[in-house]
């Protein structure tokens, strides 16, 4: 009798476990990450060189809800290295520029700037990427590329 009770208990335990595994705790399917709207990228990145200082400017897009700031990236290669049009461009993170809470109606507040001192004899390429608080990074802006060979001989590309 004890053996029958033990077998019934084991069978019911197995059936209960099987049913719980099949039913689970909710809808079946792969987990889905929360969806966020990717921040709009800048499309008007431009630069101005005065002496040995570069000033980059760009405008925050109209649809920029949730935008926290911009990351400025730079590629810098010596003019003594051969130029390779098919090689991947390696960028380094130069600056993180947060967007401060400003009056959304004021267009002057939507212009972002970054300045830095240049070294002669280098090819430079810059881009900026918008980001949100959660770490979501938007697409690249347009690129600003030039060769800085002397104060008067900078070549915009």
Protein backbone atom coordinates (compact mmCIF):
# COMPACT_ATOMS: atom_id res chain seq x y z
CA UNK A 1 0.00 0.00 0.00
CA UNK A 2 2.82 2.37 0.86
CA UNK A 3 4.42 1.59 -2.49
CA UNK A 4 1.21 2.49 -4.39
CA UNK A 5 0.89 5.80 -2.50
CA UNK A 6 4.56 6.55 -3.22
CA UNK A 7 4.06 5.79 -6.96
CA UNK A 8 0.88 7.89 -7.14
CA UNK A 9 2.72 10.75 -5.44
CA UNK A 10 5.65 10.53 -7.92
CA UNK A 11 3.32 10.36 -10.93
CA UNK A 12 1.27 13.33 -9.72
CA UNK A 13 4.49 15.28 -9.03
CA UNK A 14 5.74 14.55 -12.56
CA UNK A 15 2.40 15.49 -14.14
CA UNK A 16 2.21 18.72 -12.14
CA UNK A 17 5.78 19.64 -13.11
CA UNK A 18 5.05 18.87 -16.77
CA UNK A 19 1.88 20.99 -16.75
CA UNK A 20 3.69 23.91 -15.07
CA UNK A 21 6.51 23.76 -17.61
CA UNK A 22 4.08 23.80 -20.54
CA UNK A 23 1.80 26.52 -19.15
CA UNK A 24 4.63 28.71 -17.84
CA UNK A 25 3.91 32.18 -16.62
CA UNK A 26 2.68 34.12 -19.63
CA UNK A 27 2.86 34.62 -23.36
CA UNK A 28 5.40 32.49 -25.16
CA UNK A 29 7.88 34.02 -27.57
CA UNK A 30 11.25 35.70 -27.60
CA UNK A 31 11.69 38.68 -25.27
CA UNK A 32 11.26 42.03 -26.97
CA UNK A 33 13.37 44.99 -25.94
CA UNK A 34 11.55 48.24 -25.26
CA UNK A 35 11.25 50.38 -28.37
CA UNK A 36 12.69 53.89 -28.37
CA UNK A 37 12.66 56.53 -31.04
CA UNK A 38 16.23 56.97 -32.26
CA UNK A 39 17.33 60.59 -31.91
CA UNK A 40 17.54 62.52 -35.18
CA UNK A 41 21.04 63.15 -36.48
CA UNK A 42 22.46 66.55 -37.37
CA UNK A 43 22.58 67.16 -41.10
CA UNK A 44 24.30 70.53 -41.21
CA UNK A 45 27.67 69.96 -39.52
CA UNK A 46 30.12 72.60 -40.72
CA UNK A 47 33.37 74.07 -39.55
CA UNK A 48 35.32 77.28 -39.59
CA UNK A 49 39.08 77.53 -39.14
CA UNK A 50 40.61 80.71 -37.73
CA UNK A 51 44.35 80.50 -37.22
CA UNK A 52 44.88 77.06 -35.70
CA UNK A 53 41.43 76.79 -34.08
CA UNK A 54 38.53 74.84 -35.56
CA UNK A 55 34.97 75.65 -34.55
CA UNK A 56 32.33 73.09 -35.51
CA UNK A 57 28.65 74.09 -35.54
CA UNK A 58 25.44 72.16 -36.12
CA UNK A 59 21.74 72.59 -35.43
CA UNK A 60 19.64 70.40 -33.15
CA UNK A 61 16.88 68.90 -35.35
CA UNK A 62 13.25 69.94 -34.83
CA UNK A 63 12.23 66.44 -33.71
CA UNK A 64 14.64 65.99 -30.84
CA UNK A 65 12.48 64.81 -27.95
CA UNK A 66 14.46 62.82 -25.42
CA UNK A 67 17.78 64.03 -26.83
CA UNK A 68 20.39 64.40 -24.08
CA UNK A 69 23.47 65.53 -25.98
CA UNK A 70 25.99 64.96 -28.74
CA UNK A 71 29.26 63.06 -28.95
CA UNK A 72 31.93 64.61 -31.17
CA UNK A 73 34.21 62.14 -33.00
CA UNK A 74 37.46 62.93 -34.83
CA UNK A 75 39.68 61.03 -37.23
CA UNK A 76 43.22 62.39 -37.42
CA UNK A 77 45.85 61.00 -39.79
CA UNK A 78 49.21 62.42 -40.74
CA UNK A 79 49.61 63.79 -44.25
CA UNK A 80 52.84 61.77 -44.44
CA UNK A 81 50.73 58.58 -44.43
CA UNK A 82 49.35 57.62 -47.84
CA UNK A 83 45.68 58.45 -48.27
CA UNK A 84 43.47 55.36 -48.52
CA UNK A 85 39.95 55.96 -49.85
CA UNK A 86 38.85 52.33 -49.27
CA UNK A 87 40.21 51.90 -45.71
CA UNK A 88 37.80 52.18 -42.78
CA UNK A 89 37.96 55.49 -40.95
CA UNK A 90 38.96 55.17 -37.30
CA UNK A 91 37.42 57.78 -35.01
CA UNK A 92 38.20 58.73 -31.46
CA UNK A 93 35.70 60.25 -29.07
CA UNK A 94 36.70 63.86 -28.53
CA UNK A 95 33.91 65.46 -26.52
CA UNK A 96 30.52 64.81 -24.94
CA UNK A 97 28.35 67.93 -25.19
CA UNK A 98 25.13 67.81 -23.14
CA UNK A 99 22.09 69.76 -24.29
CA UNK A 100 21.04 72.13 -21.57
CA UNK A 101 17.39 72.85 -20.91
CA UNK A 102 16.71 75.90 -23.03
CA UNK A 103 13.70 77.65 -24.45
CA UNK A 104 12.51 75.46 -27.38
CA UNK A 105 11.20 78.53 -29.23
CA UNK A 106 14.64 80.19 -29.23
CA UNK A 107 16.40 79.05 -32.43
CA UNK A 108 19.76 80.38 -31.16
CA UNK A 109 19.59 77.78 -28.39
CA UNK A 110 19.42 75.02 -30.99
CA UNK A 111 22.89 75.71 -32.41
CA UNK A 112 25.62 73.51 -30.91
CA UNK A 113 29.34 74.32 -31.11
CA UNK A 114 32.65 72.64 -30.40
CA UNK A 115 36.09 74.26 -30.68
CA UNK A 116 39.58 72.79 -30.55
CA UNK A 117 43.15 73.62 -31.50
CA UNK A 118 44.48 71.85 -34.59
CA UNK A 119 47.95 70.49 -35.34
CA UNK A 120 49.55 71.18 -38.70
CA UNK A 121 50.25 68.31 -41.05
CA UNK A 122 47.12 66.23 -40.43
CA UNK A 123 43.97 65.19 -42.27
CA UNK A 124 40.90 65.61 -40.08
CA UNK A 125 37.39 64.20 -40.36
CA UNK A 126 34.70 65.09 -37.83
CA UNK A 127 31.21 63.77 -37.18
CA UNK A 128 28.69 64.10 -34.34
CA UNK A 129 26.20 61.58 -32.98
CA UNK A 130 23.14 62.41 -30.87
CA UNK A 131 22.40 60.31 -27.79
CA UNK A 132 19.61 59.79 -25.28
CA UNK A 133 19.78 59.34 -21.52
CA UNK A 134 19.52 55.54 -21.70
CA UNK A 135 22.63 55.35 -23.88
CA UNK A 136 20.85 55.01 -27.22
CA UNK A 137 23.07 56.62 -29.88
CA UNK A 138 21.65 58.04 -33.11
CA UNK A 139 23.06 57.94 -36.61
CA UNK A 140 26.14 59.82 -37.79
CA UNK A 141 25.83 63.41 -38.90
CA UNK A 142 27.31 64.54 -42.18
CA UNK A 143 31.12 64.63 -42.12
CA UNK A 144 33.37 67.67 -42.06
CA UNK A 145 36.75 66.77 -43.59
CA UNK A 146 39.82 68.89 -44.34
CA UNK A 147 43.61 68.82 -44.42
CA UNK A 148 45.42 71.28 -42.14
CA UNK A 149 48.85 71.92 -43.62
CA UNK A 150 49.47 75.57 -42.68
CA UNK A 151 47.53 78.61 -41.54
CA UNK A 152 46.71 79.68 -45.11
CA UNK A 153 46.77 76.32 -46.90
CA UNK A 154 43.91 74.36 -45.27
CA UNK A 155 42.01 72.29 -47.79
CA UNK A 156 38.31 71.56 -47.23
CA UNK A 157 37.13 68.33 -48.78
